[in-house]
Amino acid sequence: MFIKKKIAVLGLGTHQLGALKYIKNIYDIVGFDEDKFCPGKKYAKKFYNFGLNKKDKIINICKKEKIIFATSFCTEFFLQLSFEINFRINKDQNFKIIKEITNKKACKEK
């Protein structure tokens, strides 16, 4: 049985739905959002309901969950946060993952 690798997605709002639909076929999503009713949580294998300002808590969860990469599909603030999480969980910036999850054409087609 094939086990998908896990990525963390910071923010699961309406504007991220296309990307979430696309990447759920490649990775298991561990999602973080402060809105417990966020529409993207249905694509997450695991969902954590708290604000993204809880950086240390997110980092600890990422380590525990064996996340291979953290990302966001919304604002620059969250891109900076995902970079810091990746750095602190001791992961290289994996450009193969970046290429897969930033394919805007594929994300919008789903």
PDB file of N, CA and C in Angstrom:
ATOM      1  N   MET A   1       0.843  -1.194   0.000  1.00  0.00           N
ATOM      2  CA  MET A   1       0.000   0.000   0.000  1.00  0.00           C
ATOM      3  C   MET A   1       0.880   1.247   0.000  1.00  0.00           C
ATOM      4  N   PHE A   2       0.558   2.177  -0.840  1.00  0.00           N
ATOM      5  CA  PHE A   2       1.310   3.420  -0.962  1.00  0.00           C
ATOM      6  C   PHE A   2       0.845   4.436   0.074  1.00  0.00           C
ATOM      7  N   ILE A   3       1.789   4.954   0.840  1.00  0.00           N
ATOM      8  CA  ILE A   3       1.467   5.974   1.832  1.00  0.00           C
ATOM      9  C   ILE A   3       1.950   7.316   1.308  1.00  0.00           C
ATOM     10  N   LYS A   4       1.018   8.264   1.209  1.00  0.00           N
ATOM     11  CA  LYS A   4       1.381   9.594   0.736  1.00  0.00           C
ATOM     12  C   LYS A   4       2.196  10.322   1.787  1.00  0.00           C
ATOM     13  N   LYS A   5       3.101  11.170   1.317  1.00  0.00           N
ATOM     14  CA  LYS A   5       3.841  12.037   2.215  1.00  0.00           C
ATOM     15  C   LYS A   5       2.941  13.187   2.625  1.00  0.00           C
ATOM     16  N   LYS A   6       3.268  13.808   3.760  1.00  0.00           N
ATOM     17  CA  LYS A   6       2.428  14.878   4.312  1.00  0.00           C
ATOM     18  C   LYS A   6       3.047  16.243   4.087  1.00  0.00           C
ATOM     19  N   ILE A   7       2.181  17.197   3.708  1.00  0.00           N
ATOM     20  CA  ILE A   7       2.589  18.594   3.684  1.00  0.00           C
ATOM     21  C   ILE A   7       1.622  19.393   4.555  1.00  0.00           C
ATOM     22  N   ALA A   8       2.141  20.481   5.102  1.00  0.00           N
ATOM     23  CA  ALA A   8       1.313  21.391   5.897  1.00  0.00           C
ATOM     24  C   ALA A   8       0.852  22.520   4.997  1.00  0.00           C
ATOM     25  N   VAL A   9      -0.432  22.857   5.084  1.00  0.00           N
ATOM     26  CA  VAL A   9      -0.978  23.990   4.344  1.00  0.00           C
ATOM     27  C   VAL A   9      -1.505  24.993   5.358  1.00  0.00           C
ATOM     28  N   LEU A  10      -1.007  26.219   5.268  1.00  0.00           N
ATOM     29  CA  LEU A  10      -1.359  27.290   6.192  1.00  0.00           C
ATOM     30  C   LEU A  10      -2.465  28.125   5.572  1.00  0.00           C
ATOM     31  N   GLY A  11      -3.656  27.967   6.061  1.00  0.00           N
ATOM     32  CA  GLY A  11      -4.815  28.674   5.518  1.00  0.00           C
ATOM     33  C   GLY A  11      -5.584  27.791   4.557  1.00  0.00           C
ATOM     34  N   LEU A  12      -6.868  27.578   4.848  1.00  0.00           N
ATOM     35  CA  LEU A  12      -7.694  26.668   4.045  1.00  0.00           C
ATOM     36  C   LEU A  12      -8.973  27.370   3.584  1.00  0.00           C
ATOM     37  N   GLY A  13      -8.838  28.633   3.234  1.00  0.00           N
ATOM     38  CA  GLY A  13     -10.002  29.424   2.852  1.00  0.00           C
ATOM     39  C   GLY A  13     -10.452  29.209   1.416  1.00  0.00           C
ATOM     40  N   THR A  14     -11.480  29.935   1.051  1.00  0.00           N
ATOM     41  CA  THR A  14     -12.109  29.827  -0.264  1.00  0.00           C
ATOM     42  C   THR A  14     -11.121  29.981  -1.412  1.00  0.00           C
ATOM     43  N   HIS A  15     -10.197  30.916  -1.294  1.00  0.00           N
ATOM     44  CA  HIS A  15      -9.265  31.193  -2.389  1.00  0.00           C
ATOM     45  C   HIS A  15      -8.200  30.112  -2.564  1.00  0.00           C
ATOM     46  N   GLN A  16      -8.120  29.184  -1.638  1.00  0.00           N
ATOM     47  CA  GLN A  16      -7.146  28.098  -1.722  1.00  0.00           C
ATOM     48  C   GLN A  16      -7.756  26.792  -2.244  1.00  0.00           C
ATOM     49  N   LEU A  17      -9.043  26.769  -2.504  1.00  0.00           N
ATOM     50  CA  LEU A  17      -9.724  25.512  -2.839  1.00  0.00           C
ATOM     51  C   LEU A  17      -9.172  24.828  -4.080  1.00  0.00           C
ATOM     52  N   GLY A  18      -8.889  25.576  -5.123  1.00  0.00           N
ATOM     53  CA  GLY A  18      -8.351  24.970  -6.346  1.00  0.00           C
ATOM     54  C   GLY A  18      -7.035  24.256  -6.097  1.00  0.00           C
ATOM     55  N   ALA A  19      -6.157  24.920  -5.373  1.00  0.00           N
ATOM     56  CA  ALA A  19      -4.854  24.319  -5.062  1.00  0.00           C
ATOM     57  C   ALA A  19      -5.023  23.103  -4.152  1.00  0.00           C
ATOM     58  N   LEU A  20      -5.906  23.195  -3.173  1.00  0.00           N
ATOM     59  CA  LEU A  20      -6.117  22.079  -2.256  1.00  0.00           C
ATOM     60  C   LEU A  20      -6.662  20.853  -2.983  1.00  0.00           C
ATOM     61  N   LYS A  21      -7.611  21.064  -3.882  1.00  0.00           N
ATOM     62  CA  LYS A  21      -8.175  19.948  -4.662  1.00  0.00           C
ATOM     63  C   LYS A  21      -7.077  19.262  -5.467  1.00  0.00           C
ATOM     64  N   TYR A  22      -6.180  20.064  -6.010  1.00  0.00           N
ATOM     65  CA  TYR A  22      -5.092  19.536  -6.836  1.00  0.00           C
ATOM     66  C   TYR A  22      -4.082  18.754  -5.993  1.00  0.00           C
ATOM     67  N   ILE A  23      -3.594  19.349  -4.917  1.00  0.00           N
ATOM     68  CA  ILE A  23      -2.501  18.699  -4.183  1.00  0.00           C
ATOM     69  C   ILE A  23      -2.950  17.540  -3.305  1.00  0.00           C
ATOM     70  N   LYS A  24      -4.239  17.438  -3.005  1.00  0.00           N
ATOM     71  CA  LYS A  24      -4.696  16.300  -2.192  1.00  0.00           C
ATOM     72  C   LYS A  24      -4.490  14.979  -2.925  1.00  0.00           C
ATOM     73  N   ASN A  25      -4.340  15.035  -4.234  1.00  0.00           N
ATOM     74  CA  ASN A  25      -4.074  13.828  -5.010  1.00  0.00           C
ATOM     75  C   ASN A  25      -2.604  13.423  -4.973  1.00  0.00           C
ATOM     76  N   ILE A  26      -1.753  14.326  -4.513  1.00  0.00           N
ATOM     77  CA  ILE A  26      -0.314  14.072  -4.486  1.00  0.00           C
ATOM     78  C   ILE A  26       0.176  13.832  -3.057  1.00  0.00           C
ATOM     79  N   TYR A  27      -0.352  14.617  -2.121  1.00  0.00           N
ATOM     80  CA  TYR A  27       0.102  14.586  -0.731  1.00  0.00           C
ATOM     81  C   TYR A  27      -1.087  14.488   0.221  1.00  0.00           C
ATOM     82  N   ASP A  28      -0.826  13.995   1.420  1.00  0.00           N
ATOM     83  CA  ASP A  28      -1.793  14.132   2.506  1.00  0.00           C
ATOM     84  C   ASP A  28      -1.613  15.533   3.077  1.00  0.00           C
ATOM     85  N   ILE A  29      -2.699  16.245   3.237  1.00  0.00           N
ATOM     86  CA  ILE A  29      -2.654  17.629   3.712  1.00  0.00           C
ATOM     87  C   ILE A  29      -2.922  17.664   5.207  1.00  0.00           C
ATOM     88  N   VAL A  30      -2.022  18.322   5.918  1.00  0.00           N
ATOM     89  CA  VAL A  30      -2.251  18.653   7.323  1.00  0.00           C
ATOM     90  C   VAL A  30      -2.519  20.151   7.307  1.00  0.00           C
ATOM     91  N   GLY A  31      -3.767  20.527   7.568  1.00  0.00           N
ATOM     92  CA  GLY A  31      -4.197  21.909   7.397  1.00  0.00           C
ATOM     93  C   GLY A  31      -4.300  22.682   8.698  1.00  0.00           C
ATOM     94  N   PHE A  32      -4.004  23.976   8.605  1.00  0.00           N
ATOM     95  CA  PHE A  32      -4.090  24.888   9.746  1.00  0.00           C
ATOM     96  C   PHE A  32      -4.927  26.101   9.349  1.00  0.00           C
ATOM     97  N   ASP A  33      -5.931  26.413  10.152  1.00  0.00           N
ATOM     98  CA  ASP A  33      -6.743  27.603   9.907  1.00  0.00           C
ATOM     99  C   ASP A  33      -7.463  27.966  11.205  1.00  0.00           C
ATOM    100  N   GLU A  34      -7.627  29.270  11.443  1.00  0.00           N
ATOM    101  CA  GLU A  34      -8.316  29.689  12.664  1.00  0.00           C
ATOM    102  C   GLU A  34      -9.836  29.585  12.547  1.00  0.00           C
ATOM    103  N   ASP A  35     -10.333  29.438  11.328  1.00  0.00           N
ATOM    104  CA  ASP A  35     -11.772  29.307  11.102  1.00  0.00           C
ATOM    105  C   ASP A  35     -12.151  27.828  11.116  1.00  0.00           C
ATOM    106  N   LYS A  36     -12.866  27.402  12.148  1.00  0.00           N
ATOM    107  CA  LYS A  36     -13.208  25.982  12.227  1.00  0.00           C
ATOM    108  C   LYS A  36     -14.185  25.545  11.140  1.00  0.00           C
ATOM    109  N   PHE A  37     -14.780  26.512  10.446  1.00  0.00           N
ATOM    110  CA  PHE A  37     -15.695  26.201   9.348  1.00  0.00           C
ATOM    111  C   PHE A  37     -15.079  26.470   7.978  1.00  0.00           C
ATOM    112  N   CYS A  38     -13.772  26.620   7.901  1.00  0.00           N
ATOM    113  CA  CYS A  38     -13.116  26.955   6.629  1.00  0.00           C
ATOM    114  C   CYS A  38     -13.444  25.878   5.584  1.00  0.00           C
ATOM    115  N   PRO A  39     -13.718  26.303   4.359  1.00  0.00           N
ATOM    116  CA  PRO A  39     -14.164  25.341   3.342  1.00  0.00           C
ATOM    117  C   PRO A  39     -13.094  24.341   2.909  1.00  0.00           C
ATOM    118  N   GLY A  40     -11.834  24.678   3.070  1.00  0.00           N
ATOM    119  CA  GLY A  40     -10.775  23.781   2.622  1.00  0.00           C
ATOM    120  C   GLY A  40     -10.445  22.644   3.573  1.00  0.00           C
ATOM    121  N   LYS A  41     -11.015  22.668   4.769  1.00  0.00           N
ATOM    122  CA  LYS A  41     -10.663  21.607   5.730  1.00  0.00           C
ATOM    123  C   LYS A  41     -11.125  20.231   5.259  1.00  0.00           C
ATOM    124  N   LYS A  42     -12.097  20.195   4.364  1.00  0.00           N
ATOM    125  CA  LYS A  42     -12.560  18.892   3.862  1.00  0.00           C
ATOM    126  C   LYS A  42     -11.497  18.185   3.019  1.00  0.00           C
ATOM    127  N   TYR A  43     -10.484  18.922   2.562  1.00  0.00           N
ATOM    128  CA  TYR A  43      -9.402  18.324   1.785  1.00  0.00           C
ATOM    129  C   TYR A  43      -8.223  17.908   2.654  1.00  0.00           C
ATOM    130  N   ALA A  44      -8.257  18.263   3.922  1.00  0.00           N
ATOM    131  CA  ALA A  44      -7.155  17.953   4.834  1.00  0.00           C
ATOM    132  C   ALA A  44      -7.342  16.577   5.460  1.00  0.00           C
ATOM    133  N   LYS A  45      -6.303  15.802   5.472  1.00  0.00           N
ATOM    134  CA  LYS A  45      -6.312  14.511   6.167  1.00  0.00           C
ATOM    135  C   LYS A  45      -6.410  14.760   7.667  1.00  0.00           C
ATOM    136  N   LYS A  46      -5.753  15.848   8.124  1.00  0.00           N
ATOM    137  CA  LYS A  46      -5.807  16.252   9.521  1.00  0.00           C
ATOM    138  C   LYS A  46      -5.938  17.767   9.556  1.00  0.00           C
ATOM    139  N   PHE A  47      -6.761  18.271  10.472  1.00  0.00           N
ATOM    140  CA  PHE A  47      -7.028  19.708  10.558  1.00  0.00           C
ATOM    141  C   PHE A  47      -6.762  20.213  11.967  1.00  0.00           C
ATOM    142  N   TYR A  48      -6.043  21.321  12.051  1.00  0.00           N
ATOM    143  CA  TYR A  48      -5.776  21.979  13.328  1.00  0.00           C
ATOM    144  C   TYR A  48      -6.418  23.356  13.303  1.00  0.00           C
ATOM    145  N   ASN A  49      -7.278  23.594  14.270  1.00  0.00           N
ATOM    146  CA  ASN A  49      -8.055  24.829  14.329  1.00  0.00           C
ATOM    147  C   ASN A  49      -7.457  25.813  15.328  1.00  0.00           C
ATOM    148  N   PHE A  50      -6.521  26.621  14.830  1.00  0.00           N
ATOM    149  CA  PHE A  50      -6.012  27.743  15.617  1.00  0.00           C
ATOM    150  C   PHE A  50      -5.328  28.718  14.680  1.00  0.00           C
ATOM    151  N   GLY A  51      -5.100  29.919  15.173  1.00  0.00           N
ATOM    152  CA  GLY A  51      -4.523  30.978  14.362  1.00  0.00           C
ATOM    153  C   GLY A  51      -3.102  30.690  13.921  1.00  0.00           C
ATOM    154  N   LEU A  52      -2.762  31.192  12.766  1.00  0.00           N
ATOM    155  CA  LEU A  52      -1.439  30.972  12.213  1.00  0.00           C
ATOM    156  C   LEU A  52      -0.366  31.791  12.918  1.00  0.00           C
ATOM    157  N   ASN A  53      -0.773  32.587  13.900  1.00  0.00           N
ATOM    158  CA  ASN A  53       0.196  33.309  14.712  1.00  0.00           C
ATOM    159  C   ASN A  53       0.813  32.400  15.774  1.00  0.00           C
ATOM    160  N   LYS A  54       0.379  31.189  15.872  1.00  0.00           N
ATOM    161  CA  LYS A  54       0.901  30.197  16.829  1.00  0.00           C
ATOM    162  C   LYS A  54       2.052  29.419  16.178  1.00  0.00           C
ATOM    163  N   LYS A  55       3.081  30.159  15.771  1.00  0.00           N
ATOM    164  CA  LYS A  55       4.179  29.599  14.987  1.00  0.00           C
ATOM    165  C   LYS A  55       4.861  28.411  15.663  1.00  0.00           C
ATOM    166  N   ASP A  56       5.212  28.543  16.937  1.00  0.00           N
ATOM    167  CA  ASP A  56       5.908  27.452  17.623  1.00  0.00           C
ATOM    168  C   ASP A  56       5.034  26.206  17.726  1.00  0.00           C
ATOM    169  N   LYS A  57       3.759  26.391  17.956  1.00  0.00           N
ATOM    170  CA  LYS A  57       2.821  25.268  18.017  1.00  0.00           C
ATOM    171  C   LYS A  57       2.752  24.558  16.654  1.00  0.00           C
ATOM    172  N   ILE A  58       2.696  25.344  15.584  1.00  0.00           N
ATOM    173  CA  ILE A  58       2.658  24.776  14.229  1.00  0.00           C
ATOM    174  C   ILE A  58       3.939  23.995  13.948  1.00  0.00           C
ATOM    175  N   ILE A  59       5.069  24.560  14.313  1.00  0.00           N
ATOM    176  CA  ILE A  59       6.353  23.889  14.085  1.00  0.00           C
ATOM    177  C   ILE A  59       6.405  22.560  14.835  1.00  0.00           C
ATOM    178  N   ASN A  60       5.970  22.550  16.082  1.00  0.00           N
ATOM    179  CA  ASN A  60       5.972  21.304  16.853  1.00  0.00           C
ATOM    180  C   ASN A  60       5.055  20.248  16.237  1.00  0.00           C
ATOM    181  N   ILE A  61       3.899  20.675  15.757  1.00  0.00           N
ATOM    182  CA  ILE A  61       2.980  19.741  15.098  1.00  0.00           C
ATOM    183  C   ILE A  61       3.608  19.211  13.813  1.00  0.00           C
ATOM    184  N   CYS A  62       4.246  20.083  13.052  1.00  0.00           N
ATOM    185  CA  CYS A  62       4.894  19.654  11.805  1.00  0.00           C
ATOM    186  C   CYS A  62       5.968  18.605  12.075  1.00  0.00           C
ATOM    187  N   LYS A  63       6.725  18.795  13.127  1.00  0.00           N
ATOM    188  CA  LYS A  63       7.744  17.805  13.486  1.00  0.00           C
ATOM    189  C   LYS A  63       7.091  16.485  13.886  1.00  0.00           C
ATOM    190  N   LYS A  64       6.062  16.561  14.728  1.00  0.00           N
ATOM    191  CA  LYS A  64       5.364  15.365  15.196  1.00  0.00           C
ATOM    192  C   LYS A  64       4.711  14.604  14.042  1.00  0.00           C
ATOM    193  N   GLU A  65       4.134  15.342  13.104  1.00  0.00           N
ATOM    194  CA  GLU A  65       3.423  14.735  11.968  1.00  0.00           C
ATOM    195  C   GLU A  65       4.360  14.290  10.842  1.00  0.00           C
ATOM    196  N   LYS A  66       5.653  14.590  10.989  1.00  0.00           N
ATOM    197  CA  LYS A  66       6.650  14.251   9.958  1.00  0.00           C
ATOM    198  C   LYS A  66       6.311  14.917   8.617  1.00  0.00           C
ATOM    199  N   ILE A  67       6.006  16.195   8.713  1.00  0.00           N
ATOM    200  CA  ILE A  67       5.705  17.001   7.523  1.00  0.00           C
ATOM    201  C   ILE A  67       6.973  17.144   6.690  1.00  0.00           C
ATOM    202  N   ILE A  68       6.844  16.967   5.374  1.00  0.00           N
ATOM    203  CA  ILE A  68       8.023  17.137   4.520  1.00  0.00           C
ATOM    204  C   ILE A  68       8.150  18.561   4.000  1.00  0.00           C
ATOM    205  N   PHE A  69       7.037  19.337   4.066  1.00  0.00           N
ATOM    206  CA  PHE A  69       7.064  20.683   3.522  1.00  0.00           C
ATOM    207  C   PHE A  69       5.855  21.452   4.032  1.00  0.00           C
ATOM    208  N   ALA A  70       6.035  22.740   4.266  1.00  0.00           N
ATOM    209  CA  ALA A  70       4.924  23.609   4.668  1.00  0.00           C
ATOM    210  C   ALA A  70       4.764  24.693   3.614  1.00  0.00           C
ATOM    211  N   THR A  71       3.516  25.026   3.297  1.00  0.00           N
ATOM    212  CA  THR A  71       3.269  26.040   2.270  1.00  0.00           C
ATOM    213  C   THR A  71       1.965  26.762   2.544  1.00  0.00           C
ATOM    214  N   SER A  72       1.741  27.789   1.754  1.00  0.00           N
ATOM    215  CA  SER A  72       0.505  28.548   1.806  1.00  0.00           C
ATOM    216  C   SER A  72       0.163  28.975   0.392  1.00  0.00           C
ATOM    217  N   PHE A  73      -1.110  29.114   0.136  1.00  0.00           N
ATOM    218  CA  PHE A  73      -1.550  29.550  -1.192  1.00  0.00           C
ATOM    219  C   PHE A  73      -2.209  30.923  -1.131  1.00  0.00           C
ATOM    220  N   CYS A  74      -1.920  31.676  -0.082  1.00  0.00           N
ATOM    221  CA  CYS A  74      -2.553  32.989   0.029  1.00  0.00           C
ATOM    222  C   CYS A  74      -1.501  34.095   0.079  1.00  0.00           C
ATOM    223  N   THR A  75      -1.391  34.845   1.140  1.00  0.00           N
ATOM    224  CA  THR A  75      -0.604  36.073   1.145  1.00  0.00           C
ATOM    225  C   THR A  75       0.877  35.868   1.403  1.00  0.00           C
ATOM    226  N   GLU A  76       1.627  36.921   1.162  1.00  0.00           N
ATOM    227  CA  GLU A  76       3.068  36.898   1.373  1.00  0.00           C
ATOM    228  C   GLU A  76       3.426  36.609   2.830  1.00  0.00           C
ATOM    229  N   PHE A  77       2.610  37.077   3.775  1.00  0.00           N
ATOM    230  CA  PHE A  77       2.889  36.806   5.189  1.00  0.00           C
ATOM    231  C   PHE A  77       2.982  35.308   5.435  1.00  0.00           C
ATOM    232  N   PHE A  78       2.050  34.560   4.881  1.00  0.00           N
ATOM    233  CA  PHE A  78       2.039  33.126   5.105  1.00  0.00           C
ATOM    234  C   PHE A  78       3.147  32.419   4.348  1.00  0.00           C
ATOM    235  N   LEU A  79       3.575  32.980   3.212  1.00  0.00           N
ATOM    236  CA  LEU A  79       4.723  32.410   2.520  1.00  0.00           C
ATOM    237  C   LEU A  79       5.974  32.550   3.375  1.00  0.00           C
ATOM    238  N   GLN A  80       6.138  33.695   4.036  1.00  0.00           N
ATOM    239  CA  GLN A  80       7.268  33.884   4.949  1.00  0.00           C
ATOM    240  C   GLN A  80       7.171  32.906   6.121  1.00  0.00           C
ATOM    241  N   LEU A  81       5.969  32.735   6.655  1.00  0.00           N
ATOM    242  CA  LEU A  81       5.774  31.801   7.762  1.00  0.00           C
ATOM    243  C   LEU A  81       6.111  30.371   7.324  1.00  0.00           C
ATOM    244  N   SER A  82       5.668  29.961   6.143  1.00  0.00           N
ATOM    245  CA  SER A  82       5.965  28.611   5.674  1.00  0.00           C
ATOM    246  C   SER A  82       7.463  28.418   5.477  1.00  0.00           C
ATOM    247  N   PHE A  83       8.155  29.455   5.000  1.00  0.00           N
ATOM    248  CA  PHE A  83       9.608  29.369   4.862  1.00  0.00           C
ATOM    249  C   PHE A  83      10.250  29.134   6.233  1.00  0.00           C
ATOM    250  N   GLU A  84       9.826  29.896   7.241  1.00  0.00           N
ATOM    251  CA  GLU A  84      10.404  29.744   8.578  1.00  0.00           C
ATOM    252  C   GLU A  84      10.108  28.372   9.168  1.00  0.00           C
ATOM    253  N   ILE A  85       8.896  27.870   8.949  1.00  0.00           N
ATOM    254  CA  ILE A  85       8.557  26.528   9.444  1.00  0.00           C
ATOM    255  C   ILE A  85       9.467  25.491   8.784  1.00  0.00           C
ATOM    256  N   ASN A  86       9.614  25.577   7.468  1.00  0.00           N
ATOM    257  CA  ASN A  86      10.482  24.627   6.764  1.00  0.00           C
ATOM    258  C   ASN A  86      11.911  24.695   7.288  1.00  0.00           C
ATOM    259  N   PHE A  87      12.399  25.884   7.536  1.00  0.00           N
ATOM    260  CA  PHE A  87      13.747  26.057   8.064  1.00  0.00           C
ATOM    261  C   PHE A  87      13.860  25.439   9.458  1.00  0.00           C
ATOM    262  N   ARG A  88      12.870  25.680  10.312  1.00  0.00           N
ATOM    263  CA  ARG A  88      12.940  25.226  11.701  1.00  0.00           C
ATOM    264  C   ARG A  88      12.667  23.735  11.870  1.00  0.00           C
ATOM    265  N   ILE A  89      11.961  23.118  10.931  1.00  0.00           N
ATOM    266  CA  ILE A  89      11.778  21.664  11.038  1.00  0.00           C
ATOM    267  C   ILE A  89      12.902  20.932  10.314  1.00  0.00           C
ATOM    268  N   ASN A  90      13.923  21.705   9.964  1.00  0.00           N
ATOM    269  CA  ASN A  90      15.145  21.141   9.402  1.00  0.00           C
ATOM    270  C   ASN A  90      14.944  20.500   8.036  1.00  0.00           C
ATOM    271  N   LYS A  91      14.142  21.094   7.238  1.00  0.00           N
ATOM    272  CA  LYS A  91      13.891  20.548   5.910  1.00  0.00           C
ATOM    273  C   LYS A  91      14.503  21.470   4.859  1.00  0.00           C
ATOM    274  N   ASP A  92      15.039  20.858   3.830  1.00  0.00           N
ATOM    275  CA  ASP A  92      15.537  21.634   2.698  1.00  0.00           C
ATOM    276  C   ASP A  92      14.354  22.195   1.930  1.00  0.00           C
ATOM    277  N   GLN A  93      14.574  23.281   1.256  1.00  0.00           N
ATOM    278  CA  GLN A  93      13.540  23.805   0.377  1.00  0.00           C
ATOM    279  C   GLN A  93      13.505  22.879  -0.838  1.00  0.00           C
ATOM    280  N   ASN A  94      12.533  22.005  -0.900  1.00  0.00           N
ATOM    281  CA  ASN A  94      12.443  20.988  -1.931  1.00  0.00           C
ATOM    282  C   ASN A  94      11.758  21.570  -3.164  1.00  0.00           C
ATOM    283  N   PHE A  95      12.546  21.820  -4.196  1.00  0.00           N
ATOM    284  CA  PHE A  95      12.010  22.486  -5.380  1.00  0.00           C
ATOM    285  C   PHE A  95      11.079  21.597  -6.189  1.00  0.00           C
ATOM    286  N   LYS A  96      11.188  20.272  -6.066  1.00  0.00           N
ATOM    287  CA  LYS A  96      10.232  19.382  -6.736  1.00  0.00           C
ATOM    288  C   LYS A  96       8.831  19.610  -6.148  1.00  0.00           C
ATOM    289  N   ILE A  97       8.750  19.712  -4.820  1.00  0.00           N
ATOM    290  CA  ILE A  97       7.456  19.955  -4.175  1.00  0.00           C
ATOM    291  C   ILE A  97       6.929  21.324  -4.568  1.00  0.00           C
ATOM    292  N   ILE A  98       7.785  22.324  -4.550  1.00  0.00           N
ATOM    293  CA  ILE A  98       7.362  23.679  -4.928  1.00  0.00           C
ATOM    294  C   ILE A  98       6.796  23.677  -6.345  1.00  0.00           C
ATOM    295  N   LYS A  99       7.469  22.988  -7.245  1.00  0.00           N
ATOM    296  CA  LYS A  99       6.998  22.929  -8.638  1.00  0.00           C
ATOM    297  C   LYS A  99       5.623  22.248  -8.718  1.00  0.00           C
ATOM    298  N   GLU A 100       5.437  21.166  -7.975  1.00  0.00           N
ATOM    299  CA  GLU A 100       4.164  20.441  -8.008  1.00  0.00           C
ATOM    300  C   GLU A 100       3.008  21.271  -7.459  1.00  0.00           C
ATOM    301  N   ILE A 101       3.238  21.962  -6.368  1.00  0.00           N
ATOM    302  CA  ILE A 101       2.129  22.640  -5.701  1.00  0.00           C
ATOM    303  C   ILE A 101       1.895  24.048  -6.186  1.00  0.00           C
ATOM    304  N   THR A 102       2.750  24.552  -7.059  1.00  0.00           N
ATOM    305  CA  THR A 102       2.554  25.902  -7.581  1.00  0.00           C
ATOM    306  C   THR A 102       2.180  25.896  -9.056  1.00  0.00           C
ATOM    307  N   ASN A 103       1.743  24.772  -9.559  1.00  0.00           N
ATOM    308  CA  ASN A 103       1.284  24.679 -10.930  1.00  0.00           C
ATOM    309  C   ASN A 103      -0.112  25.288 -11.009  1.00  0.00           C
ATOM    310  N   LYS A 104      -0.155  26.583 -11.258  1.00  0.00           N
ATOM    311  CA  LYS A 104      -1.432  27.320 -11.198  1.00  0.00           C
ATOM    312  C   LYS A 104      -2.446  26.780 -12.218  1.00  0.00           C
ATOM    313  N   LYS A 105      -1.990  26.389 -13.390  1.00  0.00           N
ATOM    314  CA  LYS A 105      -2.918  25.873 -14.392  1.00  0.00           C
ATOM    315  C   LYS A 105      -3.602  24.598 -13.877  1.00  0.00           C
ATOM    316  N   ALA A 106      -2.822  23.672 -13.344  1.00  0.00           N
ATOM    317  CA  ALA A 106      -3.396  22.431 -12.829  1.00  0.00           C
ATOM    318  C   ALA A 106      -4.301  22.695 -11.623  1.00  0.00           C
ATOM    319  N   CYS A 107      -3.897  23.610 -10.765  1.00  0.00           N
ATOM    320  CA  CYS A 107      -4.704  23.917  -9.581  1.00  0.00           C
ATOM    321  C   CYS A 107      -6.069  24.495  -9.953  1.00  0.00           C
ATOM    322  N   LYS A 108      -6.134  25.288 -10.999  1.00  0.00           N
ATOM    323  CA  LYS A 108      -7.395  25.914 -11.388  1.00  0.00           C
ATOM    324  C   LYS A 108      -8.305  24.977 -12.170  1.00  0.00           C
ATOM    325  N   GLU A 109      -7.745  23.930 -12.757  1.00  0.00           N
ATOM    326  CA  GLU A 109      -8.541  22.991 -13.540  1.00  0.00           C
ATOM    327  C   GLU A 109      -9.319  22.033 -12.660  1.00  0.00           C
ATOM    328  N   LYS A 110      -8.919  21.827 -11.434  1.00  0.00           N
ATOM    329  CA  LYS A 110      -9.545  20.826 -10.561  1.00  0.00           C
ATOM    330  C   LYS A 110     -10.866  21.308 -10.023  1.00  0.00           C
TER     331      LYS A 110
END
